[in-house]
């Protein structure tokens, strides 16, 4: 075996070792990048959740959700009252007719009072913001 062949075999062996080492380093780098990526995604999720919680806890958002829940409750109550009045009005009993009249009068009073309160609040808001 000549010196040229020995150099060729050593060169081949070193090439294989360097290839193996590079492959191991690439796998380690890939694992590190995956860990970094998963941590960044986790941080982004936490930031998003925190931002959503902060926005949800603002008084304007709480007031809006409360107002929507109140409107849903009012709608449900009005629908149930309409069903009750309809059932009561189908009867020819004078007592039930008076009950229907009482229910409708009471409901009209509630609706009108809410509108009056809302109108007074809107007028007072408009007057105070225009004066500043």
C-alpha atoms as a PDB file:
ATOM      1  CA  UNK A   1       0.000   0.000   0.000  1.00  0.00           C
ATOM      2  CA  UNK A   2       1.471   3.286  -1.075  1.00  0.00           C
ATOM      3  CA  UNK A   3       1.468   6.657   0.578  1.00  0.00           C
ATOM      4  CA  UNK A   4      -1.118   7.916  -1.914  1.00  0.00           C
ATOM      5  CA  UNK A   5      -3.547   5.125  -0.979  1.00  0.00           C
ATOM      6  CA  UNK A   6      -2.948   5.692   2.742  1.00  0.00           C
ATOM      7  CA  UNK A   7      -3.655   9.421   2.343  1.00  0.00           C
ATOM      8  CA  UNK A   8      -6.822   8.585   0.381  1.00  0.00           C
ATOM      9  CA  UNK A   9      -8.113   6.214   3.117  1.00  0.00           C
ATOM     10  CA  UNK A  10      -7.295   8.694   5.896  1.00  0.00           C
ATOM     11  CA  UNK A  11      -8.957  11.418   3.879  1.00  0.00           C
ATOM     12  CA  UNK A  12     -12.062   9.218   3.388  1.00  0.00           C
ATOM     13  CA  UNK A  13     -12.141   8.326   7.095  1.00  0.00           C
ATOM     14  CA  UNK A  14     -11.859  11.993   8.102  1.00  0.00           C
ATOM     15  CA  UNK A  15     -14.612  12.918   5.629  1.00  0.00           C
ATOM     16  CA  UNK A  16     -16.913  10.310   7.208  1.00  0.00           C
ATOM     17  CA  UNK A  17     -16.100  11.569  10.724  1.00  0.00           C
ATOM     18  CA  UNK A  18     -16.710  15.202   9.731  1.00  0.00           C
ATOM     19  CA  UNK A  19     -19.994  14.214   8.020  1.00  0.00           C
ATOM     20  CA  UNK A  20     -21.138  12.312  11.119  1.00  0.00           C
ATOM     21  CA  UNK A  21     -20.184  15.228  13.398  1.00  0.00           C
ATOM     22  CA  UNK A  22     -21.977  17.755  11.158  1.00  0.00           C
ATOM     23  CA  UNK A  23     -25.083  15.542  11.126  1.00  0.00           C
ATOM     24  CA  UNK A  24     -25.113  15.364  14.940  1.00  0.00           C
ATOM     25  CA  UNK A  25     -24.671  19.127  15.255  1.00  0.00           C
ATOM     26  CA  UNK A  26     -27.459  19.776  12.744  1.00  0.00           C
ATOM     27  CA  UNK A  27     -29.825  17.511  14.731  1.00  0.00           C
ATOM     28  CA  UNK A  28     -28.911  19.295  17.963  1.00  0.00           C
ATOM     29  CA  UNK A  29     -29.462  22.692  16.315  1.00  0.00           C
ATOM     30  CA  UNK A  30     -32.859  21.546  15.002  1.00  0.00           C
ATOM     31  CA  UNK A  31     -33.919  20.441  18.500  1.00  0.00           C
ATOM     32  CA  UNK A  32     -32.813  23.780  19.928  1.00  0.00           C
ATOM     33  CA  UNK A  33     -34.738  25.688  17.260  1.00  0.00           C
ATOM     34  CA  UNK A  34     -37.876  23.631  17.972  1.00  0.00           C
ATOM     35  CA  UNK A  35     -37.595  24.416  21.693  1.00  0.00           C
ATOM     36  CA  UNK A  36     -37.167  28.122  20.972  1.00  0.00           C
ATOM     37  CA  UNK A  37     -40.125  28.046  18.576  1.00  0.00           C
ATOM     38  CA  UNK A  38     -42.384  26.316  21.113  1.00  0.00           C
ATOM     39  CA  UNK A  39     -41.385  28.786  23.832  1.00  0.00           C
ATOM     40  CA  UNK A  40     -42.054  31.760  21.560  1.00  0.00           C
ATOM     41  CA  UNK A  41     -45.459  30.353  20.650  1.00  0.00           C
ATOM     42  CA  UNK A  42     -46.172  29.811  24.353  1.00  0.00           C
ATOM     43  CA  UNK A  43     -45.172  33.386  25.157  1.00  0.00           C
ATOM     44  CA  UNK A  44     -47.335  34.708  22.336  1.00  0.00           C
ATOM     45  CA  UNK A  45     -50.307  32.715  23.623  1.00  0.00           C
ATOM     46  CA  UNK A  46     -49.775  34.087  27.121  1.00  0.00           C
ATOM     47  CA  UNK A  47     -49.487  37.644  25.791  1.00  0.00           C
ATOM     48  CA  UNK A  48     -52.681  37.201  23.754  1.00  0.00           C
ATOM     49  CA  UNK A  49     -54.561  35.794  26.747  1.00  0.00           C
ATOM     50  CA  UNK A  50     -53.340  38.630  28.943  1.00  0.00           C
ATOM     51  CA  UNK A  51     -54.338  41.234  26.360  1.00  0.00           C
ATOM     52  CA  UNK A  52     -57.798  39.690  26.017  1.00  0.00           C
ATOM     53  CA  UNK A  53     -58.224  39.588  29.799  1.00  0.00           C
ATOM     54  CA  UNK A  54     -57.119  43.201  30.091  1.00  0.00           C
ATOM     55  CA  UNK A  55     -59.567  44.307  27.398  1.00  0.00           C
ATOM     56  CA  UNK A  56     -62.349  42.222  28.922  1.00  0.00           C
ATOM     57  CA  UNK A  57     -61.829  43.765  32.344  1.00  0.00           C
ATOM     58  CA  UNK A  58     -62.158  47.346  31.088  1.00  0.00           C
ATOM     59  CA  UNK A  59     -65.242  49.105  32.459  1.00  0.00           C
ATOM     60  CA  UNK A  60     -66.558  49.753  28.950  1.00  0.00           C
ATOM     61  CA  UNK A  61     -66.450  46.038  28.106  1.00  0.00           C
ATOM     62  CA  UNK A  62     -68.046  45.061  31.414  1.00  0.00           C
ATOM     63  CA  UNK A  63     -70.776  47.644  30.861  1.00  0.00           C
ATOM     64  CA  UNK A  64     -71.371  46.373  27.342  1.00  0.00           C
ATOM     65  CA  UNK A  65     -71.626  42.744  28.494  1.00  0.00           C
ATOM     66  CA  UNK A  66     -73.926  43.781  31.341  1.00  0.00           C
ATOM     67  CA  UNK A  67     -76.085  45.746  28.940  1.00  0.00           C
ATOM     68  CA  UNK A  68     -76.292  42.786  26.550  1.00  0.00           C
ATOM     69  CA  UNK A  69     -77.231  40.430  29.391  1.00  0.00           C
ATOM     70  CA  UNK A  70     -79.847  42.923  30.566  1.00  0.00           C
ATOM     71  CA  UNK A  71     -81.267  43.201  27.043  1.00  0.00           C
ATOM     72  CA  UNK A  72     -81.408  39.402  26.740  1.00  0.00           C
ATOM     73  CA  UNK A  73     -83.192  39.140  30.090  1.00  0.00           C
ATOM     74  CA  UNK A  74     -85.648  41.875  29.089  1.00  0.00           C
ATOM     75  CA  UNK A  75     -86.331  40.150  25.797  1.00  0.00           C
ATOM     76  CA  UNK A  76     -86.963  36.823  27.519  1.00  0.00           C
ATOM     77  CA  UNK A  77     -89.213  38.440  30.098  1.00  0.00           C
ATOM     78  CA  UNK A  78     -91.177  40.301  27.426  1.00  0.00           C
ATOM     79  CA  UNK A  79     -91.642  37.126  25.391  1.00  0.00           C
ATOM     80  CA  UNK A  80     -92.861  35.175  28.437  1.00  0.00           C
ATOM     81  CA  UNK A  81     -95.194  38.011  29.376  1.00  0.00           C
ATOM     82  CA  UNK A  82     -96.597  38.107  25.839  1.00  0.00           C
ATOM     83  CA  UNK A  83     -97.277  34.358  26.002  1.00  0.00           C
ATOM     84  CA  UNK A  84     -98.966  34.746  29.392  1.00  0.00           C
ATOM     85  CA  UNK A  85    -101.108  37.664  28.232  1.00  0.00           C
ATOM     86  CA  UNK A  86    -102.074  35.747  25.095  1.00  0.00           C
ATOM     87  CA  UNK A  87    -103.161  32.718  27.112  1.00  0.00           C
ATOM     88  CA  UNK A  88    -105.055  34.847  29.631  1.00  0.00           C
ATOM     89  CA  UNK A  89    -106.770  36.902  26.946  1.00  0.00           C
ATOM     90  CA  UNK A  90    -108.223  33.796  25.289  1.00  0.00           C
ATOM     91  CA  UNK A  91    -110.398  33.291  28.314  1.00  0.00           C
ATOM     92  CA  UNK A  92    -113.814  34.928  28.636  1.00  0.00           C
ATOM     93  CA  UNK A  93    -113.360  35.281  32.401  1.00  0.00           C
ATOM     94  CA  UNK A  94    -113.652  38.930  33.476  1.00  0.00           C
ATOM     95  CA  UNK A  95    -111.044  38.448  36.246  1.00  0.00           C
ATOM     96  CA  UNK A  96    -108.471  37.261  33.711  1.00  0.00           C
ATOM     97  CA  UNK A  97    -109.250  40.200  31.446  1.00  0.00           C
ATOM     98  CA  UNK A  98    -108.598  42.595  34.346  1.00  0.00           C
ATOM     99  CA  UNK A  99    -105.364  40.697  35.071  1.00  0.00           C
ATOM    100  CA  UNK A 100    -104.276  41.126  31.436  1.00  0.00           C
ATOM    101  CA  UNK A 101    -105.005  44.870  31.694  1.00  0.00           C
ATOM    102  CA  UNK A 102    -102.986  45.123  34.925  1.00  0.00           C
ATOM    103  CA  UNK A 103    -100.049  43.221  33.424  1.00  0.00           C
ATOM    104  CA  UNK A 104    -100.002  45.343  30.274  1.00  0.00           C
ATOM    105  CA  UNK A 105    -100.266  48.596  32.249  1.00  0.00           C
ATOM    106  CA  UNK A 106     -97.448  47.542  34.553  1.00  0.00           C
ATOM    107  CA  UNK A 107     -95.259  46.502  31.615  1.00  0.00           C
ATOM    108  CA  UNK A 108     -95.923  49.787  29.800  1.00  0.00           C
ATOM    109  CA  UNK A 109     -94.953  51.677  32.975  1.00  0.00           C
ATOM    110  CA  UNK A 110     -91.662  49.742  33.196  1.00  0.00           C
ATOM    111  CA  UNK A 111     -90.821  50.339  29.527  1.00  0.00           C
ATOM    112  CA  UNK A 112     -91.671  54.037  29.678  1.00  0.00           C
ATOM    113  CA  UNK A 113     -89.690  54.518  32.909  1.00  0.00           C
ATOM    114  CA  UNK A 114     -86.622  52.866  31.396  1.00  0.00           C
ATOM    115  CA  UNK A 115     -86.883  55.082  28.353  1.00  0.00           C
ATOM    116  CA  UNK A 116     -87.222  58.151  30.573  1.00  0.00           C
ATOM    117  CA  UNK A 117     -84.150  57.177  32.617  1.00  0.00           C
ATOM    118  CA  UNK A 118     -82.143  56.523  29.444  1.00  0.00           C
ATOM    119  CA  UNK A 119     -83.228  59.812  27.933  1.00  0.00           C
ATOM    120  CA  UNK A 120     -82.328  61.737  31.110  1.00  0.00           C
ATOM    121  CA  UNK A 121     -78.911  60.062  31.189  1.00  0.00           C
ATOM    122  CA  UNK A 122     -78.292  60.878  27.521  1.00  0.00           C
ATOM    123  CA  UNK A 123     -79.349  64.500  28.019  1.00  0.00           C
ATOM    124  CA  UNK A 124     -77.159  64.898  31.104  1.00  0.00           C
ATOM    125  CA  UNK A 125     -74.182  63.355  29.290  1.00  0.00           C
ATOM    126  CA  UNK A 126     -74.720  65.616  26.301  1.00  0.00           C
ATOM    127  CA  UNK A 127     -75.014  68.681  28.496  1.00  0.00           C
ATOM    128  CA  UNK A 128     -71.913  67.939  30.570  1.00  0.00           C
ATOM    129  CA  UNK A 129     -69.698  67.098  27.568  1.00  0.00           C
ATOM    130  CA  UNK A 130     -70.844  70.181  25.684  1.00  0.00           C
ATOM    131  CA  UNK A 131     -70.151  72.465  28.640  1.00  0.00           C
ATOM    132  CA  UNK A 132     -66.468  71.332  28.986  1.00  0.00           C
END
